[in-house]
């Protein structure tokens, strides 16, 4: 089932969840993966651009969680997974608004896990590194400069595949992770390896 909704719209998200509940019952797993991104020097980011980044990346997570939380509470079980970014670990002078919003998703997951843990709801954050994205696949090649950068910063010298991130999300969504909450799972080929 595919539904279109603005992640930052409480009404649209509530309506989407109601439609899902009618077909499948209560939502058990929510992956908060909606994201806006942009690269600009920080002092060239307009207030409107800043607000839109926060609206999609942070407000969207809040609104999404609100849309499913009552159903999860009613069954004393649920999994919520936010998707941050490895850039929130290092910072990026060309993406201050994006990096800030992704760092906020870590704090959001940790705080929400404390609030909802007593209700049987687990909340964790996935931190992807350099993952091959649709744009790279459509263009048929990964830019050489990207591959060279990964060789310099990662323990593994290639881009991750979408399946690598999906497998980590599957673990966090499965009963195998029922004793895991408020945690950050980094999937980055050893980029942040100390």
N, C-alpha and C. Protein backbone atom coordinates (compact mmCIF):
# COMPACT_ATOMS: atom_id res chain seq x y z
N UNK A 1 0.85 -1.17 0.00
CA UNK A 1 0.00 0.00 0.00
C UNK A 1 0.89 1.23 0.00
N UNK A 2 0.67 2.13 -0.91
CA UNK A 2 1.45 3.36 -1.01
C UNK A 2 0.52 4.53 -0.79
N UNK A 3 0.89 5.41 0.13
CA UNK A 3 0.12 6.61 0.41
C UNK A 3 1.05 7.81 0.33
N UNK A 4 0.53 8.91 -0.15
CA UNK A 4 1.31 10.14 -0.24
C UNK A 4 0.86 11.08 0.86
N UNK A 5 1.82 11.61 1.62
CA UNK A 5 1.50 12.56 2.68
C UNK A 5 2.71 13.44 2.94
N UNK A 6 2.46 14.68 3.31
CA UNK A 6 3.52 15.58 3.74
C UNK A 6 3.92 15.17 5.15
N UNK A 7 5.17 14.76 5.32
CA UNK A 7 5.64 14.26 6.62
C UNK A 7 5.48 15.29 7.72
N UNK A 8 5.49 16.56 7.38
CA UNK A 8 5.40 17.61 8.40
C UNK A 8 3.96 18.04 8.68
N UNK A 9 2.99 17.45 7.98
CA UNK A 9 1.59 17.82 8.17
C UNK A 9 0.91 16.84 9.12
N UNK A 10 0.51 17.34 10.28
CA UNK A 10 -0.14 16.48 11.26
C UNK A 10 -1.42 15.87 10.69
N UNK A 11 -2.20 16.67 9.98
CA UNK A 11 -3.46 16.17 9.42
C UNK A 11 -3.21 15.08 8.37
N UNK A 12 -2.26 15.32 7.46
CA UNK A 12 -1.99 14.33 6.41
C UNK A 12 -1.42 13.04 6.99
N UNK A 13 -0.54 13.16 7.98
CA UNK A 13 0.02 11.95 8.59
C UNK A 13 -1.03 11.19 9.37
N UNK A 14 -1.88 11.89 10.09
CA UNK A 14 -2.96 11.23 10.83
C UNK A 14 -3.88 10.49 9.87
N UNK A 15 -4.23 11.15 8.77
CA UNK A 15 -5.10 10.52 7.77
C UNK A 15 -4.44 9.28 7.16
N UNK A 16 -3.15 9.37 6.85
CA UNK A 16 -2.44 8.22 6.28
C UNK A 16 -2.43 7.05 7.26
N UNK A 17 -2.16 7.33 8.52
CA UNK A 17 -2.14 6.26 9.53
C UNK A 17 -3.53 5.66 9.70
N UNK A 18 -4.57 6.47 9.66
CA UNK A 18 -5.94 5.95 9.75
C UNK A 18 -6.24 5.00 8.60
N UNK A 19 -5.80 5.36 7.38
CA UNK A 19 -6.00 4.47 6.23
C UNK A 19 -5.24 3.16 6.40
N UNK A 20 -4.02 3.26 6.91
CA UNK A 20 -3.21 2.05 7.15
C UNK A 20 -3.90 1.18 8.19
N UNK A 21 -4.37 1.80 9.27
CA UNK A 21 -5.03 1.04 10.33
C UNK A 21 -6.27 0.31 9.82
N UNK A 22 -7.01 0.93 8.90
CA UNK A 22 -8.21 0.30 8.34
C UNK A 22 -7.87 -0.97 7.57
N UNK A 23 -6.72 -0.98 6.90
CA UNK A 23 -6.34 -2.13 6.07
C UNK A 23 -5.54 -3.16 6.87
N UNK A 24 -4.58 -2.69 7.67
CA UNK A 24 -3.64 -3.61 8.32
C UNK A 24 -3.77 -3.69 9.83
N UNK A 25 -4.53 -2.82 10.44
CA UNK A 25 -4.56 -2.75 11.90
C UNK A 25 -3.50 -1.77 12.37
N UNK A 26 -3.25 -1.79 13.66
CA UNK A 26 -2.33 -0.84 14.28
C UNK A 26 -0.93 -0.91 13.67
N UNK A 27 -0.33 0.25 13.51
CA UNK A 27 1.05 0.33 13.02
C UNK A 27 1.98 -0.17 14.12
N UNK A 28 2.80 -1.17 13.80
CA UNK A 28 3.76 -1.74 14.75
C UNK A 28 5.14 -1.10 14.61
N UNK A 29 5.47 -0.69 13.38
CA UNK A 29 6.82 -0.21 13.08
C UNK A 29 6.71 1.08 12.28
N UNK A 30 7.44 2.09 12.72
CA UNK A 30 7.49 3.37 12.01
C UNK A 30 8.95 3.71 11.75
N UNK A 31 9.30 3.86 10.48
CA UNK A 31 10.65 4.30 10.10
C UNK A 31 10.52 5.73 9.62
N UNK A 32 11.16 6.63 10.33
CA UNK A 32 11.09 8.07 10.03
C UNK A 32 12.27 8.43 9.13
N UNK A 33 12.03 8.31 7.82
CA UNK A 33 13.09 8.45 6.83
C UNK A 33 12.88 9.63 5.90
N UNK A 34 11.81 10.39 6.07
CA UNK A 34 11.61 11.56 5.22
C UNK A 34 12.72 12.56 5.47
N UNK A 35 13.27 13.13 4.42
CA UNK A 35 14.38 14.06 4.61
C UNK A 35 14.48 15.06 3.48
N UNK A 36 14.85 16.26 3.86
CA UNK A 36 15.25 17.29 2.91
C UNK A 36 16.76 17.47 3.09
N UNK A 37 17.44 17.84 2.04
CA UNK A 37 18.88 18.06 2.13
C UNK A 37 19.27 19.19 1.19
N UNK A 38 20.38 19.83 1.51
CA UNK A 38 20.88 20.93 0.68
C UNK A 38 22.29 21.25 1.13
N UNK A 39 23.07 21.82 0.26
CA UNK A 39 24.43 22.24 0.60
C UNK A 39 24.59 23.72 0.28
N UNK A 40 24.86 24.50 1.30
CA UNK A 40 25.09 25.94 1.16
C UNK A 40 26.02 26.38 2.28
N UNK A 41 26.84 27.40 2.06
CA UNK A 41 27.56 27.98 3.19
C UNK A 41 26.54 28.42 4.24
N UNK A 42 26.86 28.23 5.51
CA UNK A 42 25.86 28.43 6.56
C UNK A 42 25.27 29.84 6.57
N UNK A 43 26.09 30.83 6.23
CA UNK A 43 25.58 32.20 6.28
C UNK A 43 24.80 32.60 5.02
N UNK A 44 24.62 31.65 4.10
CA UNK A 44 23.78 31.88 2.93
C UNK A 44 22.45 31.15 3.03
N UNK A 45 22.26 30.41 4.11
CA UNK A 45 20.99 29.72 4.33
C UNK A 45 19.97 30.76 4.77
N UNK A 46 18.85 30.82 4.07
CA UNK A 46 17.81 31.76 4.48
C UNK A 46 17.03 31.17 5.65
N UNK A 47 16.33 32.02 6.35
CA UNK A 47 15.50 31.55 7.46
C UNK A 47 14.43 30.60 6.94
N UNK A 48 13.88 30.88 5.77
CA UNK A 48 12.87 29.98 5.19
C UNK A 48 13.47 28.61 4.87
N UNK A 49 14.71 28.59 4.34
CA UNK A 49 15.37 27.30 4.05
C UNK A 49 15.65 26.54 5.34
N UNK A 50 16.09 27.26 6.37
CA UNK A 50 16.32 26.63 7.68
C UNK A 50 15.02 26.02 8.20
N UNK A 51 13.95 26.81 8.16
CA UNK A 51 12.66 26.34 8.68
C UNK A 51 12.16 25.12 7.91
N UNK A 52 12.30 25.11 6.59
CA UNK A 52 11.84 23.97 5.80
C UNK A 52 12.63 22.71 6.15
N UNK A 53 13.94 22.85 6.35
CA UNK A 53 14.77 21.70 6.72
C UNK A 53 14.31 21.12 8.06
N UNK A 54 14.08 21.99 9.03
CA UNK A 54 13.62 21.54 10.34
C UNK A 54 12.21 20.97 10.26
N UNK A 55 11.39 21.57 9.40
CA UNK A 55 10.01 21.11 9.24
C UNK A 55 9.97 19.67 8.74
N UNK A 56 10.71 19.38 7.70
CA UNK A 56 10.69 18.03 7.13
C UNK A 56 11.43 17.06 8.03
N UNK A 57 12.65 17.39 8.41
CA UNK A 57 13.51 16.42 9.09
C UNK A 57 13.18 16.21 10.57
N UNK A 58 12.84 17.27 11.28
CA UNK A 58 12.55 17.13 12.71
C UNK A 58 11.05 17.14 13.01
N UNK A 59 10.36 18.14 12.53
CA UNK A 59 8.91 18.18 12.76
C UNK A 59 8.26 16.92 12.17
N UNK A 60 8.74 16.49 11.01
CA UNK A 60 8.20 15.28 10.39
C UNK A 60 8.32 14.07 11.29
N UNK A 61 9.43 13.94 12.00
CA UNK A 61 9.60 12.82 12.93
C UNK A 61 8.61 12.94 14.10
N UNK A 62 8.48 14.14 14.64
CA UNK A 62 7.56 14.38 15.74
C UNK A 62 6.12 14.07 15.33
N UNK A 63 5.72 14.59 14.16
CA UNK A 63 4.36 14.39 13.66
C UNK A 63 4.11 12.91 13.36
N UNK A 64 5.08 12.25 12.76
CA UNK A 64 4.94 10.82 12.48
C UNK A 64 4.75 10.00 13.74
N UNK A 65 5.56 10.30 14.75
CA UNK A 65 5.43 9.58 16.02
C UNK A 65 4.07 9.84 16.66
N UNK A 66 3.63 11.08 16.62
CA UNK A 66 2.31 11.40 17.18
C UNK A 66 1.21 10.60 16.48
N UNK A 67 1.34 10.41 15.17
CA UNK A 67 0.30 9.73 14.39
C UNK A 67 0.14 8.26 14.77
N UNK A 68 1.21 7.62 15.24
CA UNK A 68 1.13 6.18 15.54
C UNK A 68 1.14 5.85 17.03
N UNK A 69 1.43 6.81 17.88
CA UNK A 69 1.73 6.49 19.28
C UNK A 69 0.55 5.89 20.03
N UNK A 70 -0.65 6.37 19.81
CA UNK A 70 -1.80 5.82 20.55
C UNK A 70 -2.02 4.35 20.22
N UNK A 71 -1.89 4.00 18.95
CA UNK A 71 -2.03 2.59 18.57
C UNK A 71 -0.96 1.73 19.19
N UNK A 72 0.27 2.20 19.20
CA UNK A 72 1.35 1.44 19.82
C UNK A 72 1.13 1.30 21.32
N UNK A 73 0.70 2.37 21.96
CA UNK A 73 0.43 2.30 23.40
C UNK A 73 -0.68 1.31 23.69
N UNK A 74 -1.70 1.27 22.84
CA UNK A 74 -2.84 0.39 23.09
C UNK A 74 -2.46 -1.08 23.08
N UNK A 75 -1.39 -1.41 22.36
CA UNK A 75 -0.95 -2.81 22.32
C UNK A 75 0.33 -3.03 23.13
N UNK A 76 0.78 -1.98 23.81
CA UNK A 76 2.00 -2.04 24.63
C UNK A 76 3.20 -2.54 23.84
N UNK A 77 3.29 -2.12 22.59
CA UNK A 77 4.41 -2.55 21.75
C UNK A 77 4.49 -1.66 20.51
N UNK A 78 5.71 -1.38 20.11
CA UNK A 78 5.94 -0.66 18.87
C UNK A 78 7.42 -0.39 18.71
N UNK A 79 7.82 -0.15 17.48
CA UNK A 79 9.20 0.18 17.14
C UNK A 79 9.19 1.45 16.30
N UNK A 80 9.94 2.45 16.74
CA UNK A 80 10.11 3.68 15.99
C UNK A 80 11.59 3.84 15.69
N UNK A 81 11.91 4.06 14.42
CA UNK A 81 13.30 4.18 13.99
C UNK A 81 13.48 5.50 13.26
N UNK A 82 14.34 6.36 13.80
CA UNK A 82 14.68 7.59 13.11
C UNK A 82 15.91 7.31 12.25
N UNK A 83 16.08 8.09 11.20
CA UNK A 83 17.25 7.94 10.32
C UNK A 83 18.01 9.27 10.32
N UNK A 84 19.17 9.25 10.97
CA UNK A 84 20.02 10.43 11.05
C UNK A 84 21.01 10.46 9.90
N UNK A 85 22.21 10.89 10.19
CA UNK A 85 23.27 10.95 9.18
C UNK A 85 24.63 10.96 9.86
N UNK A 86 25.59 10.30 9.25
CA UNK A 86 26.95 10.32 9.77
C UNK A 86 27.49 11.75 9.84
N UNK A 87 26.95 12.62 9.01
CA UNK A 87 27.43 14.00 9.03
C UNK A 87 27.13 14.70 10.35
N UNK A 88 26.12 14.24 11.07
CA UNK A 88 25.83 14.83 12.38
C UNK A 88 26.92 14.48 13.39
N UNK A 89 27.70 13.46 13.11
CA UNK A 89 28.82 13.08 13.98
C UNK A 89 29.99 14.04 13.79
N UNK A 90 30.23 14.42 12.55
CA UNK A 90 31.40 15.24 12.21
C UNK A 90 31.10 16.72 12.02
N UNK A 91 29.88 17.00 11.58
CA UNK A 91 29.56 18.36 11.15
C UNK A 91 29.94 18.54 9.70
N UNK A 92 29.34 19.52 9.07
CA UNK A 92 29.64 19.83 7.67
C UNK A 92 29.35 21.31 7.47
N UNK A 93 30.37 22.11 7.19
CA UNK A 93 30.16 23.55 7.07
C UNK A 93 29.25 23.93 5.91
N UNK A 94 29.02 23.01 4.97
CA UNK A 94 28.17 23.31 3.82
C UNK A 94 26.72 22.86 4.01
N UNK A 95 26.42 22.30 5.19
CA UNK A 95 25.07 21.76 5.41
C UNK A 95 24.63 21.95 6.85
N UNK A 96 24.85 23.12 7.39
CA UNK A 96 24.56 23.36 8.81
C UNK A 96 23.13 23.00 9.18
N UNK A 97 22.17 23.41 8.36
CA UNK A 97 20.77 23.14 8.68
C UNK A 97 20.45 21.65 8.59
N UNK A 98 20.97 20.96 7.59
CA UNK A 98 20.77 19.51 7.45
C UNK A 98 21.40 18.76 8.61
N UNK A 99 22.66 19.07 8.90
CA UNK A 99 23.39 18.39 9.97
C UNK A 99 22.72 18.61 11.32
N UNK A 100 22.28 19.83 11.57
CA UNK A 100 21.59 20.14 12.82
C UNK A 100 20.32 19.32 12.95
N UNK A 101 19.55 19.24 11.88
CA UNK A 101 18.30 18.48 11.94
C UNK A 101 18.57 16.99 12.15
N UNK A 102 19.61 16.45 11.52
CA UNK A 102 19.92 15.03 11.67
C UNK A 102 20.46 14.72 13.06
N UNK A 103 21.23 15.64 13.62
CA UNK A 103 21.66 15.47 15.01
C UNK A 103 20.49 15.50 15.96
N UNK A 104 19.50 16.32 15.64
CA UNK A 104 18.29 16.39 16.44
C UNK A 104 17.53 15.08 16.47
N UNK A 105 17.62 14.29 15.39
CA UNK A 105 16.94 13.00 15.35
C UNK A 105 17.54 12.01 16.34
N UNK A 106 18.84 12.13 16.61
CA UNK A 106 19.47 11.29 17.63
C UNK A 106 18.87 11.63 18.99
N UNK A 107 18.85 12.92 19.32
CA UNK A 107 18.29 13.36 20.59
C UNK A 107 16.81 13.02 20.70
N UNK A 108 16.08 13.17 19.60
CA UNK A 108 14.67 12.82 19.57
C UNK A 108 14.47 11.35 19.93
N UNK A 109 15.25 10.47 19.30
CA UNK A 109 15.12 9.02 19.56
C UNK A 109 15.45 8.70 21.01
N UNK A 110 16.50 9.28 21.53
CA UNK A 110 16.89 8.99 22.91
C UNK A 110 15.84 9.48 23.90
N UNK A 111 15.32 10.67 23.68
CA UNK A 111 14.32 11.22 24.59
C UNK A 111 12.99 10.47 24.48
N UNK A 112 12.56 10.18 23.25
CA UNK A 112 11.30 9.47 23.07
C UNK A 112 11.39 8.05 23.63
N UNK A 113 12.57 7.43 23.55
CA UNK A 113 12.72 6.08 24.11
C UNK A 113 12.49 6.09 25.61
N UNK A 114 12.93 7.14 26.28
CA UNK A 114 12.70 7.26 27.73
C UNK A 114 11.22 7.50 28.04
N UNK A 115 10.60 8.35 27.22
CA UNK A 115 9.18 8.67 27.45
C UNK A 115 8.28 7.47 27.20
N UNK A 116 8.58 6.66 26.18
CA UNK A 116 7.67 5.60 25.77
C UNK A 116 8.13 4.19 26.15
N UNK A 117 9.33 4.05 26.68
CA UNK A 117 9.78 2.73 27.12
C UNK A 117 8.81 2.06 28.09
N UNK A 118 8.30 2.78 29.09
CA UNK A 118 7.34 2.15 30.00
C UNK A 118 6.07 1.65 29.30
N UNK A 119 5.82 2.13 28.10
CA UNK A 119 4.65 1.69 27.32
C UNK A 119 5.00 0.56 26.35
N UNK A 120 6.23 0.04 26.44
CA UNK A 120 6.63 -1.07 25.57
C UNK A 120 7.07 -0.65 24.18
N UNK A 121 7.34 0.64 24.00
CA UNK A 121 7.72 1.15 22.69
C UNK A 121 9.21 1.42 22.67
N UNK A 122 9.88 0.85 21.67
CA UNK A 122 11.33 1.03 21.52
C UNK A 122 11.58 2.07 20.43
N UNK A 123 12.55 2.95 20.70
CA UNK A 123 12.88 4.01 19.75
C UNK A 123 14.40 4.03 19.59
N UNK A 124 14.87 3.91 18.36
CA UNK A 124 16.30 3.92 18.06
C UNK A 124 16.57 4.77 16.84
N UNK A 125 17.85 5.05 16.60
CA UNK A 125 18.25 5.88 15.47
C UNK A 125 19.29 5.15 14.62
N UNK A 126 19.05 5.09 13.34
CA UNK A 126 20.03 4.58 12.38
C UNK A 126 20.85 5.75 11.85
N UNK A 127 22.15 5.56 11.79
CA UNK A 127 23.04 6.58 11.24
C UNK A 127 23.74 6.00 10.00
N UNK A 128 23.24 6.33 8.81
CA UNK A 128 23.93 5.84 7.62
C UNK A 128 25.13 6.71 7.26
N UNK A 129 26.12 6.05 6.68
CA UNK A 129 27.25 6.75 6.11
C UNK A 129 27.02 6.92 4.62
N UNK A 130 28.03 6.63 3.84
CA UNK A 130 27.94 6.78 2.39
C UNK A 130 27.24 5.55 1.79
N UNK A 131 25.98 5.72 1.49
CA UNK A 131 25.16 4.65 0.90
C UNK A 131 24.87 5.02 -0.54
N UNK A 132 24.99 4.06 -1.43
CA UNK A 132 24.67 4.27 -2.85
C UNK A 132 23.20 4.67 -2.94
N UNK A 133 22.93 5.79 -3.54
CA UNK A 133 21.56 6.31 -3.61
C UNK A 133 21.02 6.21 -5.03
N UNK A 134 19.71 6.41 -5.17
CA UNK A 134 19.06 6.28 -6.47
C UNK A 134 19.72 7.14 -7.54
N UNK A 135 20.11 8.35 -7.17
CA UNK A 135 20.74 9.25 -8.15
C UNK A 135 21.99 8.60 -8.75
N UNK A 136 22.83 8.00 -7.89
CA UNK A 136 24.04 7.34 -8.38
C UNK A 136 23.70 6.15 -9.28
N UNK A 137 22.67 5.41 -8.89
CA UNK A 137 22.26 4.25 -9.69
C UNK A 137 21.74 4.71 -11.04
N UNK A 138 20.91 5.77 -11.04
CA UNK A 138 20.35 6.29 -12.30
C UNK A 138 21.43 6.82 -13.22
N UNK A 139 22.45 7.47 -12.65
CA UNK A 139 23.52 8.02 -13.47
C UNK A 139 24.49 6.94 -13.94
N UNK A 140 24.39 5.76 -13.34
CA UNK A 140 25.19 4.62 -13.78
C UNK A 140 26.60 4.56 -13.24
N UNK A 141 27.00 5.52 -12.42
CA UNK A 141 28.35 5.49 -11.87
C UNK A 141 28.42 6.39 -10.64
N UNK A 142 29.28 5.99 -9.73
CA UNK A 142 29.55 6.80 -8.56
C UNK A 142 30.70 7.74 -8.93
N UNK A 143 30.57 9.02 -8.63
CA UNK A 143 31.68 9.92 -8.96
C UNK A 143 33.00 9.45 -8.34
N UNK A 144 34.06 9.52 -9.11
CA UNK A 144 35.38 9.04 -8.66
C UNK A 144 35.82 9.75 -7.39
N UNK A 145 35.53 11.04 -7.26
CA UNK A 145 35.93 11.79 -6.07
C UNK A 145 35.26 11.23 -4.81
N UNK A 146 34.02 10.73 -4.97
CA UNK A 146 33.31 10.13 -3.83
C UNK A 146 34.01 8.85 -3.41
N UNK A 147 34.36 8.02 -4.38
CA UNK A 147 35.05 6.76 -4.06
C UNK A 147 36.41 7.03 -3.43
N UNK A 148 37.13 8.01 -3.92
CA UNK A 148 38.43 8.35 -3.34
C UNK A 148 38.28 8.84 -1.90
N UNK A 149 37.28 9.63 -1.65
CA UNK A 149 37.03 10.12 -0.29
C UNK A 149 36.75 8.95 0.65
N UNK A 150 35.94 8.00 0.19
CA UNK A 150 35.59 6.85 1.04
C UNK A 150 36.84 6.02 1.36
N UNK A 151 37.75 5.90 0.42
CA UNK A 151 38.99 5.17 0.67
C UNK A 151 39.82 5.84 1.74
N UNK A 152 39.71 7.16 1.83
CA UNK A 152 40.48 7.90 2.82
C UNK A 152 39.86 7.85 4.21
N UNK A 153 38.54 7.78 4.29
CA UNK A 153 37.88 7.92 5.59
C UNK A 153 37.25 6.64 6.13
N UNK A 154 36.96 5.67 5.30
CA UNK A 154 36.30 4.46 5.76
C UNK A 154 37.27 3.30 5.89
N UNK A 155 36.92 2.36 6.78
CA UNK A 155 37.68 1.11 6.88
C UNK A 155 37.38 0.24 5.66
N UNK A 156 36.15 0.27 5.17
CA UNK A 156 35.76 -0.44 3.96
C UNK A 156 35.77 0.55 2.80
N UNK A 157 36.42 0.23 1.72
CA UNK A 157 36.66 1.19 0.64
C UNK A 157 35.63 1.14 -0.47
N UNK A 158 34.37 1.15 -0.10
CA UNK A 158 33.30 1.19 -1.10
C UNK A 158 32.05 1.78 -0.45
N UNK A 159 31.12 2.18 -1.29
CA UNK A 159 29.85 2.70 -0.78
C UNK A 159 28.97 1.56 -0.31
N UNK A 160 28.22 1.82 0.75
CA UNK A 160 27.25 0.84 1.21
C UNK A 160 26.10 0.73 0.22
N UNK A 161 25.45 -0.40 0.24
CA UNK A 161 24.28 -0.64 -0.61
C UNK A 161 23.01 -0.34 0.18
N UNK A 162 21.94 0.01 -0.48
CA UNK A 162 20.68 0.23 0.23
C UNK A 162 20.31 -0.97 1.12
N UNK A 163 20.64 -2.17 0.67
CA UNK A 163 20.34 -3.38 1.45
C UNK A 163 21.09 -3.40 2.78
N UNK A 164 22.26 -2.77 2.85
CA UNK A 164 23.01 -2.71 4.10
C UNK A 164 22.23 -1.94 5.16
N UNK A 165 21.67 -0.83 4.76
CA UNK A 165 20.89 -0.01 5.67
C UNK A 165 19.55 -0.69 5.98
N UNK A 166 18.96 -1.32 4.97
CA UNK A 166 17.68 -2.02 5.18
C UNK A 166 17.85 -3.16 6.18
N UNK A 167 18.97 -3.86 6.13
CA UNK A 167 19.20 -4.97 7.07
C UNK A 167 19.31 -4.46 8.50
N UNK A 168 19.94 -3.31 8.68
CA UNK A 168 20.04 -2.72 10.02
C UNK A 168 18.66 -2.28 10.51
N UNK A 169 17.86 -1.69 9.63
CA UNK A 169 16.50 -1.30 10.00
C UNK A 169 15.66 -2.52 10.32
N UNK A 170 15.85 -3.59 9.56
CA UNK A 170 15.10 -4.82 9.82
C UNK A 170 15.43 -5.37 11.21
N UNK A 171 16.70 -5.32 11.59
CA UNK A 171 17.08 -5.76 12.93
C UNK A 171 16.36 -4.92 14.00
N UNK A 172 16.41 -3.59 13.85
CA UNK A 172 15.78 -2.72 14.85
C UNK A 172 14.26 -2.89 14.87
N UNK A 173 13.67 -3.31 13.76
CA UNK A 173 12.22 -3.51 13.69
C UNK A 173 11.80 -4.89 14.18
N UNK A 174 12.75 -5.80 14.33
CA UNK A 174 12.41 -7.19 14.66
C UNK A 174 12.41 -7.45 16.16
N UNK A 175 11.83 -8.56 16.59
CA UNK A 175 11.87 -8.94 18.00
C UNK A 175 13.30 -9.18 18.51
N UNK A 176 14.25 -9.40 17.60
CA UNK A 176 15.65 -9.61 18.02
C UNK A 176 16.21 -8.40 18.75
N UNK A 177 15.62 -7.23 18.54
CA UNK A 177 16.12 -6.01 19.19
C UNK A 177 15.18 -5.52 20.30
N UNK A 178 14.36 -6.39 20.84
CA UNK A 178 13.38 -5.96 21.84
C UNK A 178 14.00 -5.36 23.11
N UNK A 179 15.26 -5.66 23.39
CA UNK A 179 15.92 -5.09 24.57
C UNK A 179 16.84 -3.94 24.19
N UNK A 180 16.65 -3.40 23.00
CA UNK A 180 17.46 -2.29 22.50
C UNK A 180 16.56 -1.08 22.32
N UNK A 181 16.86 -0.01 23.03
CA UNK A 181 16.11 1.23 22.85
C UNK A 181 16.97 2.42 23.24
N UNK A 182 16.72 3.55 22.61
CA UNK A 182 17.50 4.76 22.86
C UNK A 182 18.91 4.69 22.32
N UNK A 183 19.13 3.82 21.35
CA UNK A 183 20.48 3.59 20.85
C UNK A 183 20.65 4.14 19.43
N UNK A 184 21.90 4.31 19.06
CA UNK A 184 22.28 4.73 17.72
C UNK A 184 23.04 3.58 17.07
N UNK A 185 22.56 3.12 15.93
CA UNK A 185 23.23 2.06 15.17
C UNK A 185 23.82 2.70 13.92
N UNK A 186 25.14 2.73 13.85
CA UNK A 186 25.83 3.38 12.75
C UNK A 186 26.18 2.35 11.68
N UNK A 187 25.80 2.65 10.45
CA UNK A 187 26.04 1.76 9.30
C UNK A 187 26.84 2.60 8.31
N UNK A 188 28.18 2.59 8.47
CA UNK A 188 28.97 3.54 7.70
C UNK A 188 30.30 2.99 7.18
N UNK A 189 30.45 1.68 7.13
CA UNK A 189 31.67 1.10 6.59
C UNK A 189 32.93 1.43 7.39
N UNK A 190 32.73 1.79 8.65
CA UNK A 190 33.88 2.13 9.49
C UNK A 190 34.33 3.57 9.38
N UNK A 191 33.48 4.44 8.86
CA UNK A 191 33.83 5.86 8.73
C UNK A 191 34.07 6.48 10.10
N UNK A 192 33.19 6.21 11.05
CA UNK A 192 33.32 6.79 12.38
C UNK A 192 34.10 5.90 13.34
N UNK A 193 34.72 4.87 12.81
CA UNK A 193 35.51 3.96 13.63
C UNK A 193 36.63 4.75 14.32
N UNK A 194 36.65 4.77 15.68
CA UNK A 194 37.67 5.58 16.37
C UNK A 194 39.09 5.09 16.15
